[in-house]
PDB file of all heavy atoms in Angstrom:
ATOM      1  N   VAL A   1     -12.640  40.757  -5.618  1.00  0.00           N
ATOM      2  CA  VAL A   1     -13.231  39.760  -4.711  1.00  0.00           C
ATOM      3  C   VAL A   1     -12.499  38.421  -4.856  1.00  0.00           C
ATOM      4  O   VAL A   1     -12.205  37.741  -3.865  1.00  0.00           O
ATOM      5  CB  VAL A   1     -14.739  39.590  -4.985  1.00  0.00           C
ATOM      6  CG1 VAL A   1     -15.316  38.453  -4.144  1.00  0.00           C
ATOM      7  CG2 VAL A   1     -15.483  40.891  -4.710  1.00  0.00           C
ATOM      8  N   ALA A   2     -12.191  38.045  -6.094  1.00  0.00           N
ATOM      9  CA  ALA A   2     -11.455  36.797  -6.342  1.00  0.00           C
ATOM     10  C   ALA A   2     -10.068  36.850  -5.704  1.00  0.00           C
ATOM     11  O   ALA A   2      -9.592  35.860  -5.130  1.00  0.00           O
ATOM     12  CB  ALA A   2     -11.345  36.549  -7.842  1.00  0.00           C
ATOM     13  N   LEU A   3      -9.432  38.030  -5.793  1.00  0.00           N
ATOM     14  CA  LEU A   3      -8.095  38.191  -5.210  1.00  0.00           C
ATOM     15  C   LEU A   3      -8.149  38.035  -3.689  1.00  0.00           C
ATOM     16  O   LEU A   3      -7.277  37.398  -3.093  1.00  0.00           O
ATOM     17  CB  LEU A   3      -7.525  39.557  -5.586  1.00  0.00           C
ATOM     18  CG  LEU A   3      -6.108  39.881  -5.092  1.00  0.00           C
ATOM     19  CD1 LEU A   3      -5.102  38.829  -5.560  1.00  0.00           C
ATOM     20  CD2 LEU A   3      -5.681  41.273  -5.560  1.00  0.00           C
ATOM     21  N   VAL A   4      -9.164  38.595  -3.054  1.00  0.00           N
ATOM     22  CA  VAL A   4      -9.330  38.438  -1.613  1.00  0.00           C
ATOM     23  C   VAL A   4      -9.547  36.962  -1.258  1.00  0.00           C
ATOM     24  O   VAL A   4      -8.986  36.446  -0.293  1.00  0.00           O
ATOM     25  CB  VAL A   4     -10.519  39.295  -1.109  1.00  0.00           C
ATOM     26  CG1 VAL A   4     -10.833  38.966   0.351  1.00  0.00           C
ATOM     27  CG2 VAL A   4     -10.204  40.782  -1.262  1.00  0.00           C
ATOM     28  N   ALA A   5     -10.331  36.259  -2.074  1.00  0.00           N
ATOM     29  CA  ALA A   5     -10.618  34.841  -1.819  1.00  0.00           C
ATOM     30  C   ALA A   5      -9.366  33.976  -1.916  1.00  0.00           C
ATOM     31  O   ALA A   5      -9.271  32.932  -1.242  1.00  0.00           O
ATOM     32  CB  ALA A   5     -11.671  34.341  -2.805  1.00  0.00           C
ATOM     33  N   VAL A   6      -8.404  34.392  -2.737  1.00  0.00           N
ATOM     34  CA  VAL A   6      -7.144  33.637  -2.865  1.00  0.00           C
ATOM     35  C   VAL A   6      -6.493  33.451  -1.498  1.00  0.00           C
ATOM     36  O   VAL A   6      -5.930  32.394  -1.195  1.00  0.00           O
ATOM     37  CB  VAL A   6      -6.171  34.364  -3.832  1.00  0.00           C
ATOM     38  CG1 VAL A   6      -4.759  33.775  -3.737  1.00  0.00           C
ATOM     39  CG2 VAL A   6      -6.675  34.257  -5.271  1.00  0.00           C
ATOM     40  N   PHE A   7      -6.591  34.463  -0.645  1.00  0.00           N
ATOM     41  CA  PHE A   7      -5.953  34.410   0.674  1.00  0.00           C
ATOM     42  C   PHE A   7      -6.533  33.298   1.539  1.00  0.00           C
ATOM     43  O   PHE A   7      -5.809  32.643   2.288  1.00  0.00           O
ATOM     44  CB  PHE A   7      -6.090  35.762   1.380  1.00  0.00           C
ATOM     45  CG  PHE A   7      -5.164  36.818   0.843  1.00  0.00           C
ATOM     46  CD1 PHE A   7      -5.465  37.494  -0.334  1.00  0.00           C
ATOM     47  CD2 PHE A   7      -3.983  37.132   1.494  1.00  0.00           C
ATOM     48  CE1 PHE A   7      -4.614  38.469  -0.837  1.00  0.00           C
ATOM     49  CE2 PHE A   7      -3.121  38.102   0.998  1.00  0.00           C
ATOM     50  CZ  PHE A   7      -3.443  38.768  -0.179  1.00  0.00           C
ATOM     51  N   PHE A   8      -7.857  33.087   1.460  1.00  0.00           N
ATOM     52  CA  PHE A   8      -8.476  32.016   2.250  1.00  0.00           C
ATOM     53  C   PHE A   8      -7.894  30.661   1.866  1.00  0.00           C
ATOM     54  O   PHE A   8      -7.517  29.867   2.736  1.00  0.00           O
ATOM     55  CB  PHE A   8      -9.992  32.015   2.029  1.00  0.00           C
ATOM     56  CG  PHE A   8     -10.718  30.940   2.803  1.00  0.00           C
ATOM     57  CD1 PHE A   8     -11.238  31.214   4.057  1.00  0.00           C
ATOM     58  CD2 PHE A   8     -10.863  29.658   2.288  1.00  0.00           C
ATOM     59  CE1 PHE A   8     -11.899  30.224   4.786  1.00  0.00           C
ATOM     60  CE2 PHE A   8     -11.515  28.662   3.004  1.00  0.00           C
ATOM     61  CZ  PHE A   8     -12.037  28.949   4.258  1.00  0.00           C
ATOM     62  N   PHE A   9      -7.785  30.415   0.566  1.00  0.00           N
ATOM     63  CA  PHE A   9      -7.389  29.081   0.115  1.00  0.00           C
ATOM     64  C   PHE A   9      -5.878  28.839   0.139  1.00  0.00           C
ATOM     65  O   PHE A   9      -5.443  27.693   0.078  1.00  0.00           O
ATOM     66  CB  PHE A   9      -7.960  28.824  -1.282  1.00  0.00           C
ATOM     67  CG  PHE A   9      -9.458  28.713  -1.290  1.00  0.00           C
ATOM     68  CD1 PHE A   9     -10.247  29.754  -1.761  1.00  0.00           C
ATOM     69  CD2 PHE A   9     -10.099  27.596  -0.786  1.00  0.00           C
ATOM     70  CE1 PHE A   9     -11.631  29.681  -1.751  1.00  0.00           C
ATOM     71  CE2 PHE A   9     -11.481  27.500  -0.756  1.00  0.00           C
ATOM     72  CZ  PHE A   9     -12.254  28.548  -1.240  1.00  0.00           C
ATOM     73  N   MET A  10      -5.079  29.905   0.246  1.00  0.00           N
ATOM     74  CA  MET A  10      -3.642  29.653   0.384  1.00  0.00           C
ATOM     75  C   MET A  10      -3.223  29.620   1.851  1.00  0.00           C
ATOM     76  O   MET A  10      -2.055  29.422   2.171  1.00  0.00           O
ATOM     77  CB  MET A  10      -2.818  30.679  -0.396  1.00  0.00           C
ATOM     78  CG  MET A  10      -2.779  32.085   0.130  1.00  0.00           C
ATOM     79  SD  MET A  10      -1.720  33.107  -0.940  1.00  0.00           S
ATOM     80  CE  MET A  10      -1.859  34.692  -0.105  1.00  0.00           C
ATOM     81  N   SER A  11      -4.199  29.772   2.753  1.00  0.00           N
ATOM     82  CA  SER A  11      -3.898  29.876   4.184  1.00  0.00           C
ATOM     83  C   SER A  11      -3.157  28.667   4.748  1.00  0.00           C
ATOM     84  O   SER A  11      -2.276  28.813   5.591  1.00  0.00           O
ATOM     85  CB  SER A  11      -5.196  30.101   4.963  1.00  0.00           C
ATOM     86  OG  SER A  11      -6.085  29.014   4.777  1.00  0.00           O
ATOM     87  N   ILE A  12      -3.513  27.472   4.305  1.00  0.00           N
ATOM     88  CA  ILE A  12      -2.933  26.263   4.905  1.00  0.00           C
ATOM     89  C   ILE A  12      -1.666  25.798   4.194  1.00  0.00           C
ATOM     90  O   ILE A  12      -1.014  24.854   4.646  1.00  0.00           O
ATOM     91  CB  ILE A  12      -3.943  25.096   4.889  1.00  0.00           C
ATOM     92  CG1 ILE A  12      -4.265  24.677   3.440  1.00  0.00           C
ATOM     93  CG2 ILE A  12      -5.191  25.441   5.658  1.00  0.00           C
ATOM     94  CD1 ILE A  12      -4.820  23.288   3.307  1.00  0.00           C
ATOM     95  N   MET A  13      -1.317  26.434   3.086  1.00  0.00           N
ATOM     96  CA  MET A  13      -0.289  25.853   2.221  1.00  0.00           C
ATOM     97  C   MET A  13       1.087  25.813   2.854  1.00  0.00           C
ATOM     98  O   MET A  13       1.751  24.767   2.855  1.00  0.00           O
ATOM     99  CB  MET A  13      -0.270  26.580   0.875  1.00  0.00           C
ATOM    100  CG  MET A  13      -1.529  26.338   0.071  1.00  0.00           C
ATOM    101  SD  MET A  13      -1.521  27.115  -1.553  1.00  0.00           S
ATOM    102  CE  MET A  13      -3.189  26.718  -2.096  1.00  0.00           C
ATOM    103  N   PHE A  14       1.551  26.939   3.424  1.00  0.00           N
ATOM    104  CA  PHE A  14       2.900  26.936   3.994  1.00  0.00           C
ATOM    105  C   PHE A  14       3.044  25.910   5.119  1.00  0.00           C
ATOM    106  O   PHE A  14       3.951  25.068   5.079  1.00  0.00           O
ATOM    107  CB  PHE A  14       3.290  28.333   4.488  1.00  0.00           C
ATOM    108  CG  PHE A  14       4.669  28.387   5.075  1.00  0.00           C
ATOM    109  CD1 PHE A  14       5.768  28.654   4.274  1.00  0.00           C
ATOM    110  CD2 PHE A  14       4.893  28.128   6.427  1.00  0.00           C
ATOM    111  CE1 PHE A  14       7.053  28.678   4.813  1.00  0.00           C
ATOM    112  CE2 PHE A  14       6.165  28.154   6.967  1.00  0.00           C
ATOM    113  CZ  PHE A  14       7.249  28.429   6.156  1.00  0.00           C
ATOM    114  N   PRO A  15       2.188  25.948   6.163  1.00  0.00           N
ATOM    115  CA  PRO A  15       2.383  24.979   7.251  1.00  0.00           C
ATOM    116  C   PRO A  15       2.182  23.531   6.828  1.00  0.00           C
ATOM    117  O   PRO A  15       2.853  22.632   7.347  1.00  0.00           O
ATOM    118  CB  PRO A  15       1.344  25.397   8.297  1.00  0.00           C
ATOM    119  CG  PRO A  15       0.334  26.200   7.556  1.00  0.00           C
ATOM    120  CD  PRO A  15       1.081  26.869   6.450  1.00  0.00           C
ATOM    121  N   THR A  16       1.263  23.287   5.880  1.00  0.00           N
ATOM    122  CA  THR A  16       1.024  21.905   5.450  1.00  0.00           C
ATOM    123  C   THR A  16       2.209  21.371   4.653  1.00  0.00           C
ATOM    124  O   THR A  16       2.666  20.240   4.875  1.00  0.00           O
ATOM    125  CB  THR A  16      -0.262  21.820   4.604  1.00  0.00           C
ATOM    126  OG1 THR A  16      -1.361  22.340   5.368  1.00  0.00           O
ATOM    127  CG2 THR A  16      -0.563  20.378   4.219  1.00  0.00           C
ATOM    128  N   ILE A  17       2.731  22.188   3.736  1.00  0.00           N
ATOM    129  CA  ILE A  17       3.922  21.781   2.974  1.00  0.00           C
ATOM    130  C   ILE A  17       5.097  21.570   3.919  1.00  0.00           C
ATOM    131  O   ILE A  17       5.849  20.592   3.804  1.00  0.00           O
ATOM    132  CB  ILE A  17       4.272  22.831   1.903  1.00  0.00           C
ATOM    133  CG1 ILE A  17       3.170  22.915   0.843  1.00  0.00           C
ATOM    134  CG2 ILE A  17       5.611  22.508   1.232  1.00  0.00           C
ATOM    135  CD1 ILE A  17       3.267  24.137  -0.064  1.00  0.00           C
ATOM    136  N   PHE A  18       5.252  22.478   4.888  1.00  0.00           N
ATOM    137  CA  PHE A  18       6.367  22.376   5.841  1.00  0.00           C
ATOM    138  C   PHE A  18       6.255  21.099   6.669  1.00  0.00           C
ATOM    139  O   PHE A  18       7.234  20.353   6.804  1.00  0.00           O
ATOM    140  CB  PHE A  18       6.378  23.604   6.758  1.00  0.00           C
ATOM    141  CG  PHE A  18       7.652  23.758   7.541  1.00  0.00           C
ATOM    142  CD1 PHE A  18       8.638  24.616   7.119  1.00  0.00           C
ATOM    143  CD2 PHE A  18       7.862  23.024   8.706  1.00  0.00           C
ATOM    144  CE1 PHE A  18       9.823  24.754   7.831  1.00  0.00           C
ATOM    145  CE2 PHE A  18       9.035  23.152   9.425  1.00  0.00           C
ATOM    146  CZ  PHE A  18      10.021  24.017   8.987  1.00  0.00           C
ATOM    147  N   ALA A  19       5.065  20.843   7.223  1.00  0.00           N
ATOM    148  CA  ALA A  19       4.871  19.656   8.060  1.00  0.00           C
ATOM    149  C   ALA A  19       5.056  18.374   7.260  1.00  0.00           C
ATOM    150  O   ALA A  19       5.647  17.400   7.746  1.00  0.00           O
ATOM    151  CB  ALA A  19       3.486  19.693   8.704  1.00  0.00           C
ATOM    152  N   MET A  20       4.569  18.357   6.008  1.00  0.00           N
ATOM    153  CA  MET A  20       4.774  17.189   5.144  1.00  0.00           C
ATOM    154  C   MET A  20       6.254  16.992   4.862  1.00  0.00           C
ATOM    155  O   MET A  20       6.750  15.863   4.805  1.00  0.00           O
ATOM    156  CB  MET A  20       4.004  17.374   3.834  1.00  0.00           C
ATOM    157  CG  MET A  20       2.487  17.234   3.966  1.00  0.00           C
ATOM    158  SD  MET A  20       1.599  17.757   2.468  1.00  0.00           S
ATOM    159  CE  MET A  20       2.209  16.544   1.257  1.00  0.00           C
ATOM    160  N   GLY A  21       6.982  18.095   4.692  1.00  0.00           N
ATOM    161  CA  GLY A  21       8.399  18.015   4.355  1.00  0.00           C
ATOM    162  C   GLY A  21       9.277  17.505   5.482  1.00  0.00           C
ATOM    163  O   GLY A  21      10.232  16.768   5.247  1.00  0.00           O
ATOM    164  N   VAL A  22       8.978  17.913   6.732  1.00  0.00           N
ATOM    165  CA  VAL A  22       9.847  17.523   7.852  1.00  0.00           C
ATOM    166  C   VAL A  22       9.357  16.273   8.582  1.00  0.00           C
ATOM    167  O   VAL A  22      10.054  15.748   9.455  1.00  0.00           O
ATOM    168  CB  VAL A  22       9.999  18.673   8.885  1.00  0.00           C
ATOM    169  CG1 VAL A  22      10.612  19.893   8.246  1.00  0.00           C
ATOM    170  CG2 VAL A  22       8.671  19.008   9.554  1.00  0.00           C
ATOM    171  N   LYS A  23       8.177  15.789   8.211  1.00  0.00           N
ATOM    172  CA  LYS A  23       7.612  14.629   8.907  1.00  0.00           C
ATOM    173  C   LYS A  23       8.514  13.405   8.754  1.00  0.00           C
ATOM    174  O   LYS A  23       8.992  13.101   7.667  1.00  0.00           O
ATOM    175  CB  LYS A  23       6.217  14.323   8.341  1.00  0.00           C
ATOM    176  CG  LYS A  23       5.383  13.419   9.223  1.00  0.00           C
ATOM    177  CD  LYS A  23       3.960  13.360   8.717  1.00  0.00           C
ATOM    178  CE  LYS A  23       3.064  12.568   9.649  1.00  0.00           C
ATOM    179  NZ  LYS A  23       1.664  12.550   9.177  1.00  0.00           N
ATOM    180  N   ASN A  24       8.767  12.750   9.861  1.00  0.00           N
ATOM    181  CA  ASN A  24       9.570  11.518   9.893  1.00  0.00           C
ATOM    182  C   ASN A  24      11.030  11.734   9.481  1.00  0.00           C
ATOM    183  O   ASN A  24      11.713  10.779   9.111  1.00  0.00           O
ATOM    184  CB  ASN A  24       8.949  10.432   9.010  1.00  0.00           C
ATOM    185  CG  ASN A  24       7.544  10.067   9.442  1.00  0.00           C
ATOM    186  OD1 ASN A  24       7.249   9.989  10.633  1.00  0.00           O
ATOM    187  ND2 ASN A  24       6.648   9.864   8.473  1.00  0.00           N
ATOM    188  N   LEU A  25      11.523  12.971   9.573  1.00  0.00           N
ATOM    189  CA  LEU A  25      12.938  13.200   9.267  1.00  0.00           C
ATOM    190  C   LEU A  25      13.836  12.847  10.451  1.00  0.00           C
ATOM    191  O   LEU A  25      15.044  12.677  10.285  1.00  0.00           O
ATOM    192  CB  LEU A  25      13.175  14.664   8.875  1.00  0.00           C
ATOM    193  CG  LEU A  25      12.663  15.116   7.509  1.00  0.00           C
ATOM    194  CD1 LEU A  25      13.100  16.554   7.240  1.00  0.00           C
ATOM    195  CD2 LEU A  25      13.164  14.200   6.391  1.00  0.00           C
ATOM    196  N   GLY A  26      13.240  12.771  11.656  1.00  0.00           N
ATOM    197  CA  GLY A  26      14.023  12.380  12.829  1.00  0.00           C
ATOM    198  C   GLY A  26      15.190  13.312  13.089  1.00  0.00           C
ATOM    199  O   GLY A  26      15.003  14.515  13.261  1.00  0.00           O
ATOM    200  N   PRO A  27      16.430  12.783  13.076  1.00  0.00           N
ATOM    201  CA  PRO A  27      17.608  13.601  13.391  1.00  0.00           C
ATOM    202  C   PRO A  27      17.882  14.669  12.338  1.00  0.00           C
ATOM    203  O   PRO A  27      18.640  15.593  12.568  1.00  0.00           O
ATOM    204  CB  PRO A  27      18.748  12.582  13.418  1.00  0.00           C
ATOM    205  CG  PRO A  27      18.289  11.507  12.487  1.00  0.00           C
ATOM    206  CD  PRO A  27      16.814  11.411  12.703  1.00  0.00           C
ATOM    207  N   HIS A  28      17.266  14.520  11.162  1.00  0.00           N
ATOM    208  CA  HIS A  28      17.483  15.490  10.089  1.00  0.00           C
ATOM    209  C   HIS A  28      16.496  16.656  10.164  1.00  0.00           C
ATOM    210  O   HIS A  28      16.500  17.524   9.284  1.00  0.00           O
ATOM    211  CB  HIS A  28      17.317  14.808   8.726  1.00  0.00           C
ATOM    212  CG  HIS A  28      18.177  13.592   8.543  1.00  0.00           C
ATOM    213  ND1 HIS A  28      19.545  13.622   8.636  1.00  0.00           N
ATOM    214  CD2 HIS A  28      17.846  12.294   8.257  1.00  0.00           C
ATOM    215  CE1 HIS A  28      20.027  12.404   8.427  1.00  0.00           C
ATOM    216  NE2 HIS A  28      19.016  11.578   8.194  1.00  0.00           N
ATOM    217  N   THR A  29      15.653  16.684  11.217  1.00  0.00           N
ATOM    218  CA  THR A  29      14.566  17.668  11.270  1.00  0.00           C
ATOM    219  C   THR A  29      15.077  19.100  11.226  1.00  0.00           C
ATOM    220  O   THR A  29      14.576  19.921  10.453  1.00  0.00           O
ATOM    221  CB  THR A  29      13.711  17.467  12.540  1.00  0.00           C
ATOM    222  OG1 THR A  29      13.136  16.150  12.513  1.00  0.00           O
ATOM    223  CG2 THR A  29      12.587  18.491  12.602  1.00  0.00           C
ATOM    224  N   LYS A  30      16.097  19.424  12.035  1.00  0.00           N
ATOM    225  CA  LYS A  30      16.588  20.813  12.068  1.00  0.00           C
ATOM    226  C   LYS A  30      17.205  21.215  10.735  1.00  0.00           C
ATOM    227  O   LYS A  30      16.971  22.307  10.223  1.00  0.00           O
ATOM    228  CB  LYS A  30      17.607  20.991  13.196  1.00  0.00           C
ATOM    229  CG  LYS A  30      17.040  20.820  14.603  1.00  0.00           C
ATOM    230  CD  LYS A  30      18.058  21.250  15.640  1.00  0.00           C
ATOM    231  CE  LYS A  30      17.572  20.942  17.047  1.00  0.00           C
ATOM    232  NZ  LYS A  30      17.671  19.516  17.391  1.00  0.00           N
ATOM    233  N   ARG A  31      18.020  20.308  10.152  1.00  0.00           N
ATOM    234  CA  ARG A  31      18.653  20.640   8.871  1.00  0.00           C
ATOM    235  C   ARG A  31      17.607  20.695   7.768  1.00  0.00           C
ATOM    236  O   ARG A  31      17.654  21.558   6.887  1.00  0.00           O
ATOM    237  CB  ARG A  31      19.743  19.617   8.541  1.00  0.00           C
ATOM    238  CG  ARG A  31      20.793  20.143   7.570  1.00  0.00           C
ATOM    239  CD  ARG A  31      22.123  19.430   7.783  1.00  0.00           C
ATOM    240  NE  ARG A  31      21.979  17.988   7.645  1.00  0.00           N
ATOM    241  CZ  ARG A  31      22.164  17.334   6.496  1.00  0.00           C
ATOM    242  NH1 ARG A  31      22.490  17.990   5.399  1.00  0.00           N
ATOM    243  NH2 ARG A  31      22.032  16.031   6.454  1.00  0.00           N
ATOM    244  N   GLY A  32      16.640  19.779   7.815  1.00  0.00           N
ATOM    245  CA  GLY A  32      15.559  19.807   6.838  1.00  0.00           C
ATOM    246  C   GLY A  32      14.760  21.095   6.944  1.00  0.00           C
ATOM    247  O   GLY A  32      14.382  21.698   5.938  1.00  0.00           O
ATOM    248  N   SER A  33      14.521  21.529   8.180  1.00  0.00           N
ATOM    249  CA  SER A  33      13.825  22.790   8.404  1.00  0.00           C
ATOM    250  C   SER A  33      14.594  23.955   7.794  1.00  0.00           C
ATOM    251  O   SER A  33      14.007  24.860   7.190  1.00  0.00           O
ATOM    252  CB  SER A  33      13.653  23.017   9.912  1.00  0.00           C
ATOM    253  OG  SER A  33      13.183  24.308  10.178  1.00  0.00           O
ATOM    254  N   SER A  34      15.915  23.923   7.921  1.00  0.00           N
ATOM    255  CA  SER A  34      16.743  24.990   7.355  1.00  0.00           C
ATOM    256  C   SER A  34      16.546  25.101   5.846  1.00  0.00           C
ATOM    257  O   SER A  34      16.399  26.199   5.302  1.00  0.00           O
ATOM    258  CB  SER A  34      18.221  24.739   7.663  1.00  0.00           C
ATOM    259  OG  SER A  34      18.471  24.818   9.046  1.00  0.00           O
ATOM    260  N   PHE A  35      16.535  23.970   5.164  1.00  0.00           N
ATOM    261  CA  PHE A  35      16.367  24.001   3.704  1.00  0.00           C
ATOM    262  C   PHE A  35      14.963  24.442   3.310  1.00  0.00           C
ATOM    263  O   PHE A  35      14.783  25.139   2.303  1.00  0.00           O
ATOM    264  CB  PHE A  35      16.696  22.634   3.108  1.00  0.00           C
ATOM    265  CG  PHE A  35      18.171  22.350   3.030  1.00  0.00           C
ATOM    266  CD1 PHE A  35      18.770  21.415   3.873  1.00  0.00           C
ATOM    267  CD2 PHE A  35      18.972  23.024   2.116  1.00  0.00           C
ATOM    268  CE1 PHE A  35      20.127  21.163   3.809  1.00  0.00           C
ATOM    269  CE2 PHE A  35      20.343  22.780   2.047  1.00  0.00           C
ATOM    270  CZ  PHE A  35      20.917  21.841   2.893  1.00  0.00           C
ATOM    271  N   LEU A  36      13.962  24.055   4.092  1.00  0.00           N
ATOM    272  CA  LEU A  36      12.599  24.491   3.801  1.00  0.00           C
ATOM    273  C   LEU A  36      12.448  25.996   4.018  1.00  0.00           C
ATOM    274  O   LEU A  36      11.711  26.664   3.291  1.00  0.00           O
ATOM    275  CB  LEU A  36      11.596  23.726   4.672  1.00  0.00           C
ATOM    276  CG  LEU A  36      11.283  22.307   4.174  1.00  0.00           C
ATOM    277  CD1 LEU A  36      10.695  21.460   5.288  1.00  0.00           C
ATOM    278  CD2 LEU A  36      10.329  22.350   2.985  1.00  0.00           C
ATOM    279  N   ILE A  37      13.161  26.534   5.000  1.00  0.00           N
ATOM    280  CA  ILE A  37      13.145  27.991   5.212  1.00  0.00           C
ATOM    281  C   ILE A  37      13.941  28.684   4.107  1.00  0.00           C
ATOM    282  O   ILE A  37      13.570  29.762   3.639  1.00  0.00           O
ATOM    283  CB  ILE A  37      13.705  28.346   6.598  1.00  0.00           C
ATOM    284  CG1 ILE A  37      12.784  27.785   7.698  1.00  0.00           C
ATOM    285  CG2 ILE A  37      13.853  29.857   6.754  1.00  0.00           C
ATOM    286  CD1 ILE A  37      11.360  28.296   7.645  1.00  0.00           C
ATOM    287  N   MET A  38      15.037  28.071   3.653  1.00  0.00           N
ATOM    288  CA  MET A  38      15.798  28.643   2.531  1.00  0.00           C
ATOM    289  C   MET A  38      14.934  28.758   1.279  1.00  0.00           C
ATOM    290  O   MET A  38      15.100  29.677   0.470  1.00  0.00           O
ATOM    291  CB  MET A  38      17.027  27.784   2.235  1.00  0.00           C
ATOM    292  CG  MET A  38      18.140  27.905   3.253  1.00  0.00           C
ATOM    293  SD  MET A  38      19.542  26.818   2.874  1.00  0.00           S
ATOM    294  CE  MET A  38      20.240  27.680   1.464  1.00  0.00           C
ATOM    295  N   ALA A  39      13.996  27.819   1.138  1.00  0.00           N
ATOM    296  CA  ALA A  39      13.113  27.834  -0.030  1.00  0.00           C
ATOM    297  C   ALA A  39      12.236  29.082  -0.068  1.00  0.00           C
ATOM    298  O   ALA A  39      11.677  29.429  -1.117  1.00  0.00           O
ATOM    299  CB  ALA A  39      12.241  26.577  -0.044  1.00  0.00           C
ATOM    300  N   ILE A  40      12.131  29.780   1.055  1.00  0.00           N
ATOM    301  CA  ILE A  40      11.373  31.024   1.110  1.00  0.00           C
ATOM    302  C   ILE A  40      11.973  32.084   0.189  1.00  0.00           C
ATOM    303  O   ILE A  40      11.323  33.081  -0.129  1.00  0.00           O
ATOM    304  CB  ILE A  40      11.283  31.510   2.580  1.00  0.00           C
ATOM    305  CG1 ILE A  40      10.356  30.579   3.373  1.00  0.00           C
ATOM    306  CG2 ILE A  40      10.790  32.938   2.702  1.00  0.00           C
ATOM    307  CD1 ILE A  40      10.258  30.905   4.855  1.00  0.00           C
ATOM    308  N   VAL A  41      13.197  31.841  -0.285  1.00  0.00           N
ATOM    309  CA  VAL A  41      13.835  32.782  -1.210  1.00  0.00           C
ATOM    310  C   VAL A  41      12.979  33.001  -2.459  1.00  0.00           C
ATOM    311  O   VAL A  41      13.135  34.007  -3.164  1.00  0.00           O
ATOM    312  CB  VAL A  41      15.258  32.293  -1.588  1.00  0.00           C
ATOM    313  CG1 VAL A  41      15.200  31.127  -2.571  1.00  0.00           C
ATOM    314  CG2 VAL A  41      16.079  33.436  -2.176  1.00  0.00           C
ATOM    315  N   GLY A  42      12.063  32.078  -2.738  1.00  0.00           N
ATOM    316  CA  GLY A  42      11.128  32.290  -3.849  1.00  0.00           C
ATOM    317  C   GLY A  42      10.377  33.604  -3.694  1.00  0.00           C
ATOM    318  O   GLY A  42      10.073  34.293  -4.678  1.00  0.00           O
ATOM    319  N   GLY A  43      10.098  33.976  -2.435  1.00  0.00           N
ATOM    320  CA  GLY A  43       9.418  35.238  -2.166  1.00  0.00           C
ATOM    321  C   GLY A  43      10.279  36.445  -2.459  1.00  0.00           C
ATOM    322  O   GLY A  43       9.759  37.551  -2.657  1.00  0.00           O
ATOM    323  N   ALA A  44      11.608  36.261  -2.493  1.00  0.00           N
ATOM    324  CA  ALA A  44      12.501  37.373  -2.824  1.00  0.00           C
ATOM    325  C   ALA A  44      12.511  37.660  -4.319  1.00  0.00           C
ATOM    326  O   ALA A  44      12.762  38.786  -4.752  1.00  0.00           O
ATOM    327  CB  ALA A  44      13.927  37.048  -2.351  1.00  0.00           C
ATOM    328  N   LEU A  45      12.244  36.650  -5.126  1.00  0.00           N
ATOM    329  CA  LEU A  45      12.346  36.783  -6.579  1.00  0.00           C
ATOM    330  C   LEU A  45      11.038  37.212  -7.237  1.00  0.00           C
ATOM    331  O   LEU A  45      11.031  38.045  -8.144  1.00  0.00           O
ATOM    332  CB  LEU A  45      12.815  35.453  -7.178  1.00  0.00           C
ATOM    333  CG  LEU A  45      14.134  34.890  -6.628  1.00  0.00           C
ATOM    334  CD1 LEU A  45      14.414  33.521  -7.241  1.00  0.00           C
ATOM    335  CD2 LEU A  45      15.285  35.839  -6.915  1.00  0.00           C
ATOM    336  N   MET A  46       9.932  36.655  -6.773  1.00  0.00           N
ATOM    337  CA  MET A  46       8.645  36.865  -7.443  1.00  0.00           C
ATOM    338  C   MET A  46       8.209  38.326  -7.555  1.00  0.00           C
ATOM    339  O   MET A  46       7.815  38.777  -8.644  1.00  0.00           O
ATOM    340  CB  MET A  46       7.564  36.040  -6.756  1.00  0.00           C
ATOM    341  CG  MET A  46       6.181  36.204  -7.371  1.00  0.00           C
ATOM    342  SD  MET A  46       6.084  35.611  -9.081  1.00  0.00           S
ATOM    343  CE  MET A  46       5.805  33.857  -8.803  1.00  0.00           C
TER     344      MET A  46
END
C-alpha cells in the first residue's frame, strides 16, 4: 500500500522540476530542455 502511495506523491515531481529548471531561460530554453532531458539517464542506471 505504501509503494502504491509513492506514485501519488511523485506525480508532480518531473514537470515541476522541469518547469523550475527552464523558467526564465529565454533563448537558452531549448538547450536547457536538452540537458534536462539528458538528466533522464538516471533512469537508465537505477
